[in-house]
């Protein structure tokens, strides 16, 4: 029984090592409305399959929610408010070395029309 426990503990440790190492600071230049580019900074922390952290924007840092890590894939949401309207940015990414390839879609806003579910893609690079 003791041997079985040690084997299972070892298996869990190996699985944890396979999970993407997204913990750290990441930056990306994201194209916004009218072609304007904005630098976004993300501070992410993976704890097993759970992901927490913040994303900066024009109005400062916002906590992420529903963060998940599954192998090299990660996802989270950022809820923001603008002109009295709440909207959610849904981030999905794939880690490849020191780059996360993201797609982000918008939900909510006035009458639920913010972004109309259209996404944009960008790459975030790990800050060394």
C-alpha atoms as a PDB file:
ATOM      1  CA  UNK A   1       0.000   0.000   0.000  1.00  0.00           C
ATOM      2  CA  UNK A   2       2.840   2.377   0.858  1.00  0.00           C
ATOM      3  CA  UNK A   3       4.495   1.637  -2.496  1.00  0.00           C
ATOM      4  CA  UNK A   4       1.266   2.400  -4.331  1.00  0.00           C
ATOM      5  CA  UNK A   5       1.016   5.763  -2.597  1.00  0.00           C
ATOM      6  CA  UNK A   6       4.581   6.627  -3.587  1.00  0.00           C
ATOM      7  CA  UNK A   7       3.923   5.650  -7.213  1.00  0.00           C
ATOM      8  CA  UNK A   8       0.750   7.760  -7.323  1.00  0.00           C
ATOM      9  CA  UNK A   9       2.533  10.729  -5.751  1.00  0.00           C
ATOM     10  CA  UNK A  10       5.264  10.424  -8.378  1.00  0.00           C
ATOM     11  CA  UNK A  11       2.679  10.307 -11.182  1.00  0.00           C
ATOM     12  CA  UNK A  12       0.995  13.461  -9.895  1.00  0.00           C
ATOM     13  CA  UNK A  13       4.367  15.216  -9.734  1.00  0.00           C
ATOM     14  CA  UNK A  14       5.108  14.289 -13.365  1.00  0.00           C
ATOM     15  CA  UNK A  15       1.684  15.520 -14.500  1.00  0.00           C
ATOM     16  CA  UNK A  16       2.280  18.814 -12.693  1.00  0.00           C
ATOM     17  CA  UNK A  17       5.562  19.217 -14.585  1.00  0.00           C
ATOM     18  CA  UNK A  18       3.730  18.756 -17.910  1.00  0.00           C
ATOM     19  CA  UNK A  19       1.490  21.720 -17.150  1.00  0.00           C
ATOM     20  CA  UNK A  20       2.486  24.941 -18.868  1.00  0.00           C
ATOM     21  CA  UNK A  21       4.777  27.207 -16.880  1.00  0.00           C
ATOM     22  CA  UNK A  22       2.890  30.453 -17.446  1.00  0.00           C
ATOM     23  CA  UNK A  23       3.793  31.966 -14.081  1.00  0.00           C
ATOM     24  CA  UNK A  24       5.467  35.336 -14.555  1.00  0.00           C
ATOM     25  CA  UNK A  25       5.134  38.681 -16.260  1.00  0.00           C
ATOM     26  CA  UNK A  26       4.075  38.903 -19.905  1.00  0.00           C
ATOM     27  CA  UNK A  27       3.718  41.870 -22.296  1.00  0.00           C
ATOM     28  CA  UNK A  28       1.961  42.260 -25.613  1.00  0.00           C
ATOM     29  CA  UNK A  29       1.291  45.032 -28.094  1.00  0.00           C
ATOM     30  CA  UNK A  30      -2.406  44.748 -28.896  1.00  0.00           C
ATOM     31  CA  UNK A  31      -4.075  46.587 -31.736  1.00  0.00           C
ATOM     32  CA  UNK A  32      -7.197  48.376 -30.632  1.00  0.00           C
ATOM     33  CA  UNK A  33      -9.797  50.550 -32.262  1.00  0.00           C
ATOM     34  CA  UNK A  34      -8.774  52.807 -35.113  1.00  0.00           C
ATOM     35  CA  UNK A  35      -5.475  50.922 -35.442  1.00  0.00           C
ATOM     36  CA  UNK A  36      -4.088  52.286 -32.183  1.00  0.00           C
ATOM     37  CA  UNK A  37      -1.645  49.932 -30.427  1.00  0.00           C
ATOM     38  CA  UNK A  38      -1.655  49.493 -26.670  1.00  0.00           C
ATOM     39  CA  UNK A  39       0.873  47.628 -24.519  1.00  0.00           C
ATOM     40  CA  UNK A  40      -0.814  45.130 -22.202  1.00  0.00           C
ATOM     41  CA  UNK A  41       0.976  43.613 -19.215  1.00  0.00           C
ATOM     42  CA  UNK A  42      -0.115  40.371 -17.588  1.00  0.00           C
ATOM     43  CA  UNK A  43       1.069  39.022 -14.253  1.00  0.00           C
ATOM     44  CA  UNK A  44       0.065  35.363 -14.154  1.00  0.00           C
ATOM     45  CA  UNK A  45       0.449  32.674 -11.502  1.00  0.00           C
ATOM     46  CA  UNK A  46      -0.305  29.019 -12.147  1.00  0.00           C
ATOM     47  CA  UNK A  47      -1.021  26.756  -9.195  1.00  0.00           C
ATOM     48  CA  UNK A  48      -1.659  23.329 -10.665  1.00  0.00           C
ATOM     49  CA  UNK A  49      -4.563  23.787 -13.066  1.00  0.00           C
ATOM     50  CA  UNK A  50      -5.675  27.073 -11.454  1.00  0.00           C
ATOM     51  CA  UNK A  51      -4.572  30.404 -12.888  1.00  0.00           C
ATOM     52  CA  UNK A  52      -4.723  33.761 -11.121  1.00  0.00           C
ATOM     53  CA  UNK A  53      -3.271  37.173 -11.830  1.00  0.00           C
ATOM     54  CA  UNK A  54      -3.914  40.586 -13.323  1.00  0.00           C
ATOM     55  CA  UNK A  55      -4.111  42.208 -16.748  1.00  0.00           C
ATOM     56  CA  UNK A  56      -3.290  45.878 -17.222  1.00  0.00           C
ATOM     57  CA  UNK A  57      -5.215  48.117 -19.545  1.00  0.00           C
ATOM     58  CA  UNK A  58      -5.926  51.772 -20.153  1.00  0.00           C
ATOM     59  CA  UNK A  59      -7.610  52.028 -16.769  1.00  0.00           C
ATOM     60  CA  UNK A  60      -5.065  50.105 -14.695  1.00  0.00           C
ATOM     61  CA  UNK A  61      -4.875  46.518 -13.492  1.00  0.00           C
ATOM     62  CA  UNK A  62      -7.840  44.170 -13.360  1.00  0.00           C
ATOM     63  CA  UNK A  63      -7.929  40.756 -11.677  1.00  0.00           C
ATOM     64  CA  UNK A  64      -8.551  37.757 -13.883  1.00  0.00           C
ATOM     65  CA  UNK A  65     -11.289  35.231 -13.105  1.00  0.00           C
ATOM     66  CA  UNK A  66     -12.054  31.635 -14.103  1.00  0.00           C
ATOM     67  CA  UNK A  67      -8.362  31.053 -14.859  1.00  0.00           C
ATOM     68  CA  UNK A  68      -7.404  27.557 -15.968  1.00  0.00           C
ATOM     69  CA  UNK A  69      -4.288  25.793 -17.235  1.00  0.00           C
ATOM     70  CA  UNK A  70      -4.596  22.558 -19.215  1.00  0.00           C
ATOM     71  CA  UNK A  71      -1.231  21.388 -20.566  1.00  0.00           C
ATOM     72  CA  UNK A  72       0.004  24.182 -22.846  1.00  0.00           C
ATOM     73  CA  UNK A  73      -3.447  25.791 -23.036  1.00  0.00           C
ATOM     74  CA  UNK A  74      -4.736  28.481 -20.712  1.00  0.00           C
ATOM     75  CA  UNK A  75      -7.882  30.544 -20.418  1.00  0.00           C
ATOM     76  CA  UNK A  76      -9.272  33.291 -18.226  1.00  0.00           C
ATOM     77  CA  UNK A  77     -11.744  36.160 -18.164  1.00  0.00           C
ATOM     78  CA  UNK A  78     -11.348  39.850 -17.387  1.00  0.00           C
ATOM     79  CA  UNK A  79     -14.490  41.769 -16.409  1.00  0.00           C
ATOM     80  CA  UNK A  80     -14.333  45.517 -17.041  1.00  0.00           C
ATOM     81  CA  UNK A  81     -16.690  48.466 -16.936  1.00  0.00           C
ATOM     82  CA  UNK A  82     -16.848  51.356 -19.394  1.00  0.00           C
ATOM     83  CA  UNK A  83     -19.417  54.180 -19.445  1.00  0.00           C
ATOM     84  CA  UNK A  84     -21.605  52.296 -16.991  1.00  0.00           C
ATOM     85  CA  UNK A  85     -21.603  49.136 -19.104  1.00  0.00           C
ATOM     86  CA  UNK A  86     -19.985  45.903 -17.980  1.00  0.00           C
ATOM     87  CA  UNK A  87     -18.234  43.664 -20.496  1.00  0.00           C
ATOM     88  CA  UNK A  88     -16.092  40.548 -20.324  1.00  0.00           C
ATOM     89  CA  UNK A  89     -12.933  39.811 -22.243  1.00  0.00           C
ATOM     90  CA  UNK A  90     -12.437  36.055 -22.711  1.00  0.00           C
ATOM     91  CA  UNK A  91      -8.783  35.102 -23.213  1.00  0.00           C
ATOM     92  CA  UNK A  92      -7.650  31.749 -24.628  1.00  0.00           C
ATOM     93  CA  UNK A  93      -3.976  31.065 -25.149  1.00  0.00           C
ATOM     94  CA  UNK A  94      -1.416  28.441 -26.038  1.00  0.00           C
ATOM     95  CA  UNK A  95       2.082  28.520 -24.561  1.00  0.00           C
ATOM     96  CA  UNK A  96       4.965  27.963 -26.939  1.00  0.00           C
ATOM     97  CA  UNK A  97       8.317  28.548 -25.239  1.00  0.00           C
ATOM     98  CA  UNK A  98       8.414  32.141 -24.018  1.00  0.00           C
ATOM     99  CA  UNK A  99       5.380  33.217 -26.082  1.00  0.00           C
ATOM    100  CA  UNK A 100       1.672  32.812 -25.423  1.00  0.00           C
ATOM    101  CA  UNK A 101      -0.460  32.952 -28.575  1.00  0.00           C
ATOM    102  CA  UNK A 102      -3.728  34.563 -27.446  1.00  0.00           C
ATOM    103  CA  UNK A 103      -7.143  35.086 -28.902  1.00  0.00           C
ATOM    104  CA  UNK A 104      -9.513  37.367 -27.009  1.00  0.00           C
ATOM    105  CA  UNK A 105     -13.230  37.902 -27.560  1.00  0.00           C
ATOM    106  CA  UNK A 106     -15.573  40.447 -26.023  1.00  0.00           C
ATOM    107  CA  UNK A 107     -18.946  39.740 -24.448  1.00  0.00           C
ATOM    108  CA  UNK A 108     -21.510  42.101 -22.976  1.00  0.00           C
ATOM    109  CA  UNK A 109     -21.539  45.870 -23.132  1.00  0.00           C
ATOM    110  CA  UNK A 110     -24.514  47.941 -24.297  1.00  0.00           C
ATOM    111  CA  UNK A 111     -27.301  45.528 -25.160  1.00  0.00           C
ATOM    112  CA  UNK A 112     -24.789  42.672 -25.191  1.00  0.00           C
ATOM    113  CA  UNK A 113     -23.263  43.877 -28.458  1.00  0.00           C
ATOM    114  CA  UNK A 114     -19.698  44.640 -27.346  1.00  0.00           C
ATOM    115  CA  UNK A 115     -17.423  43.032 -29.924  1.00  0.00           C
ATOM    116  CA  UNK A 116     -20.220  40.843 -31.302  1.00  0.00           C
ATOM    117  CA  UNK A 117     -18.113  37.826 -30.300  1.00  0.00           C
ATOM    118  CA  UNK A 118     -15.414  38.770 -32.805  1.00  0.00           C
ATOM    119  CA  UNK A 119     -11.927  37.970 -31.644  1.00  0.00           C
ATOM    120  CA  UNK A 120      -8.503  39.350 -32.114  1.00  0.00           C
ATOM    121  CA  UNK A 121      -5.195  37.566 -31.878  1.00  0.00           C
ATOM    122  CA  UNK A 122      -1.910  38.669 -30.377  1.00  0.00           C
ATOM    123  CA  UNK A 123       1.259  37.215 -28.889  1.00  0.00           C
ATOM    124  CA  UNK A 124       2.435  37.920 -25.356  1.00  0.00           C
ATOM    125  CA  UNK A 125       6.137  37.557 -24.585  1.00  0.00           C
ATOM    126  CA  UNK A 126       7.638  36.603 -21.241  1.00  0.00           C
ATOM    127  CA  UNK A 127       9.475  39.461 -19.542  1.00  0.00           C
ATOM    128  CA  UNK A 128      12.891  38.251 -18.418  1.00  0.00           C
END
